[in-house]
Amino acid sequence: MVKVFIVYDTKYGNTKLVAEKIVEGMREIKGIETVVSDVKEVDLERIANSDAILIGSPNHWGGPSRTIR
């Protein structure tokens, strides 16, 4: 089982929506376990035990949000 952790930061909810849509698609694939979390509530142990990490962030002044950095 491949464990994928998706962590995101969102200001207006758009990045959260994208993260949730990615999770929906990944759950249709056998052999993939997905976890999604707001960066403010992230469980560092779960990240450490993941095979892949996807990071979603709004774009602020040409880069990721301060919280994601």
PDB file of N, CA and C in Angstrom:
ATOM      1  N   MET A   1       0.849  -1.180   0.000  1.00  0.00           N
ATOM      2  CA  MET A   1       0.000   0.000   0.000  1.00  0.00           C
ATOM      3  C   MET A   1       0.893   1.240   0.000  1.00  0.00           C
ATOM      4  N   VAL A   2       0.685   2.112  -0.957  1.00  0.00           N
ATOM      5  CA  VAL A   2       1.416   3.376  -1.046  1.00  0.00           C
ATOM      6  C   VAL A   2       0.660   4.421  -0.238  1.00  0.00           C
ATOM      7  N   LYS A   3       1.366   5.083   0.666  1.00  0.00           N
ATOM      8  CA  LYS A   3       0.750   6.103   1.517  1.00  0.00           C
ATOM      9  C   LYS A   3       1.102   7.486   0.984  1.00  0.00           C
ATOM     10  N   VAL A   4       0.066   8.253   0.632  1.00  0.00           N
ATOM     11  CA  VAL A   4       0.251   9.602   0.107  1.00  0.00           C
ATOM     12  C   VAL A   4      -0.344  10.592   1.096  1.00  0.00           C
ATOM     13  N   PHE A   5       0.451  11.559   1.484  1.00  0.00           N
ATOM     14  CA  PHE A   5       0.001  12.595   2.415  1.00  0.00           C
ATOM     15  C   PHE A   5      -0.118  13.899   1.639  1.00  0.00           C
ATOM     16  N   ILE A   6      -1.283  14.523   1.715  1.00  0.00           N
ATOM     17  CA  ILE A   6      -1.511  15.802   1.055  1.00  0.00           C
ATOM     18  C   ILE A   6      -1.679  16.856   2.132  1.00  0.00           C
ATOM     19  N   VAL A   7      -0.824  17.850   2.103  1.00  0.00           N
ATOM     20  CA  VAL A   7      -0.892  18.945   3.063  1.00  0.00           C
ATOM     21  C   VAL A   7      -1.099  20.231   2.267  1.00  0.00           C
ATOM     22  N   TYR A   8      -1.941  21.101   2.774  1.00  0.00           N
ATOM     23  CA  TYR A   8      -2.247  22.327   2.036  1.00  0.00           C
ATOM     24  C   TYR A   8      -2.412  23.501   2.993  1.00  0.00           C
ATOM     25  N   ASP A   9      -2.270  24.674   2.434  1.00  0.00           N
ATOM     26  CA  ASP A   9      -2.613  25.913   3.120  1.00  0.00           C
ATOM     27  C   ASP A   9      -3.614  26.614   2.215  1.00  0.00           C
ATOM     28  N   THR A  10      -4.576  27.280   2.791  1.00  0.00           N
ATOM     29  CA  THR A  10      -5.590  27.941   1.983  1.00  0.00           C
ATOM     30  C   THR A  10      -6.024  29.228   2.657  1.00  0.00           C
ATOM     31  N   LYS A  11      -6.286  30.219   1.853  1.00  0.00           N
ATOM     32  CA  LYS A  11      -6.752  31.490   2.391  1.00  0.00           C
ATOM     33  C   LYS A  11      -8.260  31.631   2.195  1.00  0.00           C
ATOM     34  N   TYR A  12      -8.734  31.273   1.009  1.00  0.00           N
ATOM     35  CA  TYR A  12     -10.154  31.423   0.690  1.00  0.00           C
ATOM     36  C   TYR A  12     -10.858  30.089   0.445  1.00  0.00           C
ATOM     37  N   GLY A  13     -10.146  28.960   0.646  1.00  0.00           N
ATOM     38  CA  GLY A  13     -10.751  27.648   0.488  1.00  0.00           C
ATOM     39  C   GLY A  13     -10.490  26.982  -0.851  1.00  0.00           C
ATOM     40  N   ASN A  14      -9.879  27.693  -1.788  1.00  0.00           N
ATOM     41  CA  ASN A  14      -9.653  27.117  -3.114  1.00  0.00           C
ATOM     42  C   ASN A  14      -8.618  25.996  -3.102  1.00  0.00           C
ATOM     43  N   THR A  15      -7.528  26.177  -2.384  1.00  0.00           N
ATOM     44  CA  THR A  15      -6.495  25.141  -2.328  1.00  0.00           C
ATOM     45  C   THR A  15      -7.018  23.907  -1.606  1.00  0.00           C
ATOM     46  N   LYS A  16      -7.853  24.094  -0.607  1.00  0.00           N
ATOM     47  CA  LYS A  16      -8.479  22.962   0.084  1.00  0.00           C
ATOM     48  C   LYS A  16      -9.353  22.182  -0.884  1.00  0.00           C
ATOM     49  N   LEU A  17     -10.115  22.881  -1.709  1.00  0.00           N
ATOM     50  CA  LEU A  17     -10.978  22.223  -2.694  1.00  0.00           C
ATOM     51  C   LEU A  17     -10.156  21.390  -3.673  1.00  0.00           C
ATOM     52  N   VAL A  18      -9.049  21.939  -4.148  1.00  0.00           N
ATOM     53  CA  VAL A  18      -8.177  21.197  -5.062  1.00  0.00           C
ATOM     54  C   VAL A  18      -7.615  19.956  -4.371  1.00  0.00           C
ATOM     55  N   ALA A  19      -7.164  20.089  -3.129  1.00  0.00           N
ATOM     56  CA  ALA A  19      -6.629  18.945  -2.376  1.00  0.00           C
ATOM     57  C   ALA A  19      -7.686  17.857  -2.229  1.00  0.00           C
ATOM     58  N   GLU A  20      -8.916  18.239  -1.927  1.00  0.00           N
ATOM     59  CA  GLU A  20      -9.995  17.261  -1.771  1.00  0.00           C
ATOM     60  C   GLU A  20     -10.302  16.558  -3.088  1.00  0.00           C
ATOM     61  N   LYS A  21     -10.237  17.263  -4.203  1.00  0.00           N
ATOM     62  CA  LYS A  21     -10.471  16.651  -5.518  1.00  0.00           C
ATOM     63  C   LYS A  21      -9.355  15.661  -5.854  1.00  0.00           C
ATOM     64  N   ILE A  22      -8.128  15.999  -5.513  1.00  0.00           N
ATOM     65  CA  ILE A  22      -7.014  15.070  -5.731  1.00  0.00           C
ATOM     66  C   ILE A  22      -7.234  13.799  -4.921  1.00  0.00           C
ATOM     67  N   VAL A  23      -7.658  13.946  -3.674  1.00  0.00           N
ATOM     68  CA  VAL A  23      -7.932  12.785  -2.819  1.00  0.00           C
ATOM     69  C   VAL A  23      -9.031  11.927  -3.435  1.00  0.00           C
ATOM     70  N   GLU A  24     -10.093  12.544  -3.926  1.00  0.00           N
ATOM     71  CA  GLU A  24     -11.182  11.788  -4.568  1.00  0.00           C
ATOM     72  C   GLU A  24     -10.645  10.923  -5.700  1.00  0.00           C
ATOM     73  N   GLY A  25      -9.807  11.496  -6.545  1.00  0.00           N
ATOM     74  CA  GLY A  25      -9.241  10.744  -7.660  1.00  0.00           C
ATOM     75  C   GLY A  25      -8.310   9.636  -7.208  1.00  0.00           C
ATOM     76  N   MET A  26      -7.501   9.897  -6.210  1.00  0.00           N
ATOM     77  CA  MET A  26      -6.551   8.890  -5.735  1.00  0.00           C
ATOM     78  C   MET A  26      -7.253   7.722  -5.053  1.00  0.00           C
ATOM     79  N   ARG A  27      -8.374   7.977  -4.432  1.00  0.00           N
ATOM     80  CA  ARG A  27      -9.098   6.900  -3.746  1.00  0.00           C
ATOM     81  C   ARG A  27      -9.686   5.894  -4.728  1.00  0.00           C
ATOM     82  N   GLU A  28      -9.775   6.257  -5.994  1.00  0.00           N
ATOM     83  CA  GLU A  28     -10.265   5.339  -7.017  1.00  0.00           C
ATOM     84  C   GLU A  28      -9.182   4.369  -7.473  1.00  0.00           C
ATOM     85  N   ILE A  29      -7.947   4.612  -7.078  1.00  0.00           N
ATOM     86  CA  ILE A  29      -6.822   3.778  -7.495  1.00  0.00           C
ATOM     87  C   ILE A  29      -6.508   2.776  -6.390  1.00  0.00           C
ATOM     88  N   LYS A  30      -6.504   1.499  -6.750  1.00  0.00           N
ATOM     89  CA  LYS A  30      -6.184   0.461  -5.767  1.00  0.00           C
ATOM     90  C   LYS A  30      -4.731   0.588  -5.325  1.00  0.00           C
ATOM     91  N   GLY A  31      -4.508   0.349  -4.048  1.00  0.00           N
ATOM     92  CA  GLY A  31      -3.152   0.334  -3.517  1.00  0.00           C
ATOM     93  C   GLY A  31      -2.638   1.684  -3.056  1.00  0.00           C
ATOM     94  N   ILE A  32      -3.513   2.700  -3.047  1.00  0.00           N
ATOM     95  CA  ILE A  32      -3.093   4.019  -2.573  1.00  0.00           C
ATOM     96  C   ILE A  32      -3.954   4.424  -1.387  1.00  0.00           C
ATOM     97  N   GLU A  33      -3.293   4.752  -0.302  1.00  0.00           N
ATOM     98  CA  GLU A  33      -3.967   5.274   0.894  1.00  0.00           C
ATOM     99  C   GLU A  33      -3.654   6.761   0.962  1.00  0.00           C
ATOM    100  N   THR A  34      -4.687   7.595   1.076  1.00  0.00           N
ATOM    101  CA  THR A  34      -4.459   9.039   1.099  1.00  0.00           C
ATOM    102  C   THR A  34      -4.911   9.650   2.411  1.00  0.00           C
ATOM    103  N   VAL A  35      -4.152  10.654   2.839  1.00  0.00           N
ATOM    104  CA  VAL A  35      -4.494  11.457   4.011  1.00  0.00           C
ATOM    105  C   VAL A  35      -4.348  12.907   3.577  1.00  0.00           C
ATOM    106  N   VAL A  36      -5.301  13.741   3.948  1.00  0.00           N
ATOM    107  CA  VAL A  36      -5.244  15.162   3.613  1.00  0.00           C
ATOM    108  C   VAL A  36      -5.354  15.974   4.894  1.00  0.00           C
ATOM    109  N   SER A  37      -4.570  17.061   4.976  1.00  0.00           N
ATOM    110  CA  SER A  37      -4.559  17.858   6.197  1.00  0.00           C
ATOM    111  C   SER A  37      -4.207  19.304   5.896  1.00  0.00           C
ATOM    112  N   ASP A  38      -4.849  20.205   6.607  1.00  0.00           N
ATOM    113  CA  ASP A  38      -4.455  21.612   6.595  1.00  0.00           C
ATOM    114  C   ASP A  38      -3.098  21.700   7.293  1.00  0.00           C
ATOM    115  N   VAL A  39      -2.211  22.520   6.783  1.00  0.00           N
ATOM    116  CA  VAL A  39      -0.861  22.626   7.346  1.00  0.00           C
ATOM    117  C   VAL A  39      -0.899  23.027   8.823  1.00  0.00           C
ATOM    118  N   LYS A  40      -1.930  23.746   9.231  1.00  0.00           N
ATOM    119  CA  LYS A  40      -2.034  24.191  10.628  1.00  0.00           C
ATOM    120  C   LYS A  40      -2.407  23.048  11.575  1.00  0.00           C
ATOM    121  N   GLU A  41      -2.859  21.920  11.014  1.00  0.00           N
ATOM    122  CA  GLU A  41      -3.284  20.778  11.835  1.00  0.00           C
ATOM    123  C   GLU A  41      -2.503  19.516  11.500  1.00  0.00           C
ATOM    124  N   VAL A  42      -1.381  19.656  10.817  1.00  0.00           N
ATOM    125  CA  VAL A  42      -0.655  18.506  10.293  1.00  0.00           C
ATOM    126  C   VAL A  42      -0.062  17.642  11.414  1.00  0.00           C
ATOM    127  N   ASP A  43      -0.084  16.330  11.189  1.00  0.00           N
ATOM    128  CA  ASP A  43       0.506  15.347  12.099  1.00  0.00           C
ATOM    129  C   ASP A  43       1.866  14.949  11.513  1.00  0.00           C
ATOM    130  N   LEU A  44       2.936  15.447  12.087  1.00  0.00           N
ATOM    131  CA  LEU A  44       4.276  15.220  11.534  1.00  0.00           C
ATOM    132  C   LEU A  44       4.646  13.743  11.467  1.00  0.00           C
ATOM    133  N   GLU A  45       4.147  12.946  12.379  1.00  0.00           N
ATOM    134  CA  GLU A  45       4.442  11.507  12.358  1.00  0.00           C
ATOM    135  C   GLU A  45       3.847  10.857  11.114  1.00  0.00           C
ATOM    136  N   ARG A  46       2.644  11.278  10.733  1.00  0.00           N
ATOM    137  CA  ARG A  46       2.021  10.714   9.531  1.00  0.00           C
ATOM    138  C   ARG A  46       2.804  11.098   8.283  1.00  0.00           C
ATOM    139  N   ILE A  47       3.343  12.320   8.268  1.00  0.00           N
ATOM    140  CA  ILE A  47       4.164  12.724   7.121  1.00  0.00           C
ATOM    141  C   ILE A  47       5.403  11.842   7.048  1.00  0.00           C
ATOM    142  N   ALA A  48       6.044  11.617   8.175  1.00  0.00           N
ATOM    143  CA  ALA A  48       7.265  10.808   8.208  1.00  0.00           C
ATOM    144  C   ALA A  48       7.014   9.382   7.724  1.00  0.00           C
ATOM    145  N   ASN A  49       5.807   8.871   7.909  1.00  0.00           N
ATOM    146  CA  ASN A  49       5.475   7.502   7.514  1.00  0.00           C
ATOM    147  C   ASN A  49       4.868   7.417   6.120  1.00  0.00           C
ATOM    148  N   SER A  50       4.894   8.505   5.359  1.00  0.00           N
ATOM    149  CA  SER A  50       4.301   8.533   4.020  1.00  0.00           C
ATOM    150  C   SER A  50       5.337   8.199   2.957  1.00  0.00           C
ATOM    151  N   ASP A  51       4.853   7.616   1.859  1.00  0.00           N
ATOM    152  CA  ASP A  51       5.721   7.322   0.717  1.00  0.00           C
ATOM    153  C   ASP A  51       5.838   8.523  -0.218  1.00  0.00           C
ATOM    154  N   ALA A  52       4.807   9.352  -0.240  1.00  0.00           N
ATOM    155  CA  ALA A  52       4.801  10.544  -1.093  1.00  0.00           C
ATOM    156  C   ALA A  52       4.080  11.668  -0.363  1.00  0.00           C
ATOM    157  N   ILE A  53       4.520  12.886  -0.623  1.00  0.00           N
ATOM    158  CA  ILE A  53       3.904  14.061  -0.007  1.00  0.00           C
ATOM    159  C   ILE A  53       3.576  15.051  -1.113  1.00  0.00           C
ATOM    160  N   LEU A  54       2.326  15.498  -1.147  1.00  0.00           N
ATOM    161  CA  LEU A  54       1.905  16.553  -2.070  1.00  0.00           C
ATOM    162  C   LEU A  54       1.647  17.796  -1.237  1.00  0.00           C
ATOM    163  N   ILE A  55       2.140  18.927  -1.700  1.00  0.00           N
ATOM    164  CA  ILE A  55       1.997  20.180  -0.963  1.00  0.00           C
ATOM    165  C   ILE A  55       1.231  21.169  -1.828  1.00  0.00           C
ATOM    166  N   GLY A  56       0.149  21.704  -1.276  1.00  0.00           N
ATOM    167  CA  GLY A  56      -0.646  22.694  -1.987  1.00  0.00           C
ATOM    168  C   GLY A  56      -0.617  24.018  -1.253  1.00  0.00           C
ATOM    169  N   SER A  57      -0.466  25.096  -2.021  1.00  0.00           N
ATOM    170  CA  SER A  57      -0.375  26.416  -1.409  1.00  0.00           C
ATOM    171  C   SER A  57      -0.932  27.465  -2.354  1.00  0.00           C
ATOM    172  N   PRO A  58      -1.548  28.490  -1.786  1.00  0.00           N
ATOM    173  CA  PRO A  58      -1.884  29.628  -2.629  1.00  0.00           C
ATOM    174  C   PRO A  58      -0.590  30.332  -3.050  1.00  0.00           C
ATOM    175  N   ASN A  59      -0.663  31.111  -4.099  1.00  0.00           N
ATOM    176  CA  ASN A  59       0.494  31.842  -4.597  1.00  0.00           C
ATOM    177  C   ASN A  59       0.458  33.258  -4.032  1.00  0.00           C
ATOM    178  N   HIS A  60       1.456  33.591  -3.235  1.00  0.00           N
ATOM    179  CA  HIS A  60       1.562  34.934  -2.665  1.00  0.00           C
ATOM    180  C   HIS A  60       2.859  35.575  -3.144  1.00  0.00           C
ATOM    181  N   TRP A  61       2.743  36.618  -3.912  1.00  0.00           N
ATOM    182  CA  TRP A  61       3.902  37.338  -4.415  1.00  0.00           C
ATOM    183  C   TRP A  61       4.894  36.415  -5.121  1.00  0.00           C
ATOM    184  N   GLY A  62       4.381  35.486  -5.905  1.00  0.00           N
ATOM    185  CA  GLY A  62       5.231  34.620  -6.710  1.00  0.00           C
ATOM    186  C   GLY A  62       5.776  33.399  -6.009  1.00  0.00           C
ATOM    187  N   GLY A  63       5.293  33.082  -4.822  1.00  0.00           N
ATOM    188  CA  GLY A  63       5.786  31.908  -4.108  1.00  0.00           C
ATOM    189  C   GLY A  63       4.724  31.340  -3.191  1.00  0.00           C
ATOM    190  N   PRO A  64       5.063  30.282  -2.470  1.00  0.00           N
ATOM    191  CA  PRO A  64       4.096  29.663  -1.557  1.00  0.00           C
ATOM    192  C   PRO A  64       3.797  30.560  -0.359  1.00  0.00           C
ATOM    193  N   SER A  65       2.720  30.257   0.305  1.00  0.00           N
ATOM    194  CA  SER A  65       2.349  31.019   1.499  1.00  0.00           C
ATOM    195  C   SER A  65       3.425  30.868   2.575  1.00  0.00           C
ATOM    196  N   ARG A  66       3.481  31.805   3.465  1.00  0.00           N
ATOM    197  CA  ARG A  66       4.471  31.783   4.551  1.00  0.00           C
ATOM    198  C   ARG A  66       4.309  30.523   5.400  1.00  0.00           C
ATOM    199  N   THR A  67       3.092  30.100   5.624  1.00  0.00           N
ATOM    200  CA  THR A  67       2.830  28.916   6.453  1.00  0.00           C
ATOM    201  C   THR A  67       3.426  27.660   5.834  1.00  0.00           C
ATOM    202  N   ILE A  68       3.362  27.531   4.525  1.00  0.00           N
ATOM    203  CA  ILE A  68       3.923  26.367   3.831  1.00  0.00           C
ATOM    204  C   ILE A  68       5.450  26.429   3.817  1.00  0.00           C
ATOM    205  N   ARG A  69       5.996  27.603   3.647  1.00  0.00           N
ATOM    206  CA  ARG A  69       7.468  27.719   3.609  1.00  0.00           C
ATOM    207  C   ARG A  69       8.059  27.226   4.894  1.00  0.00           C
TER     208      ARG A  69
END
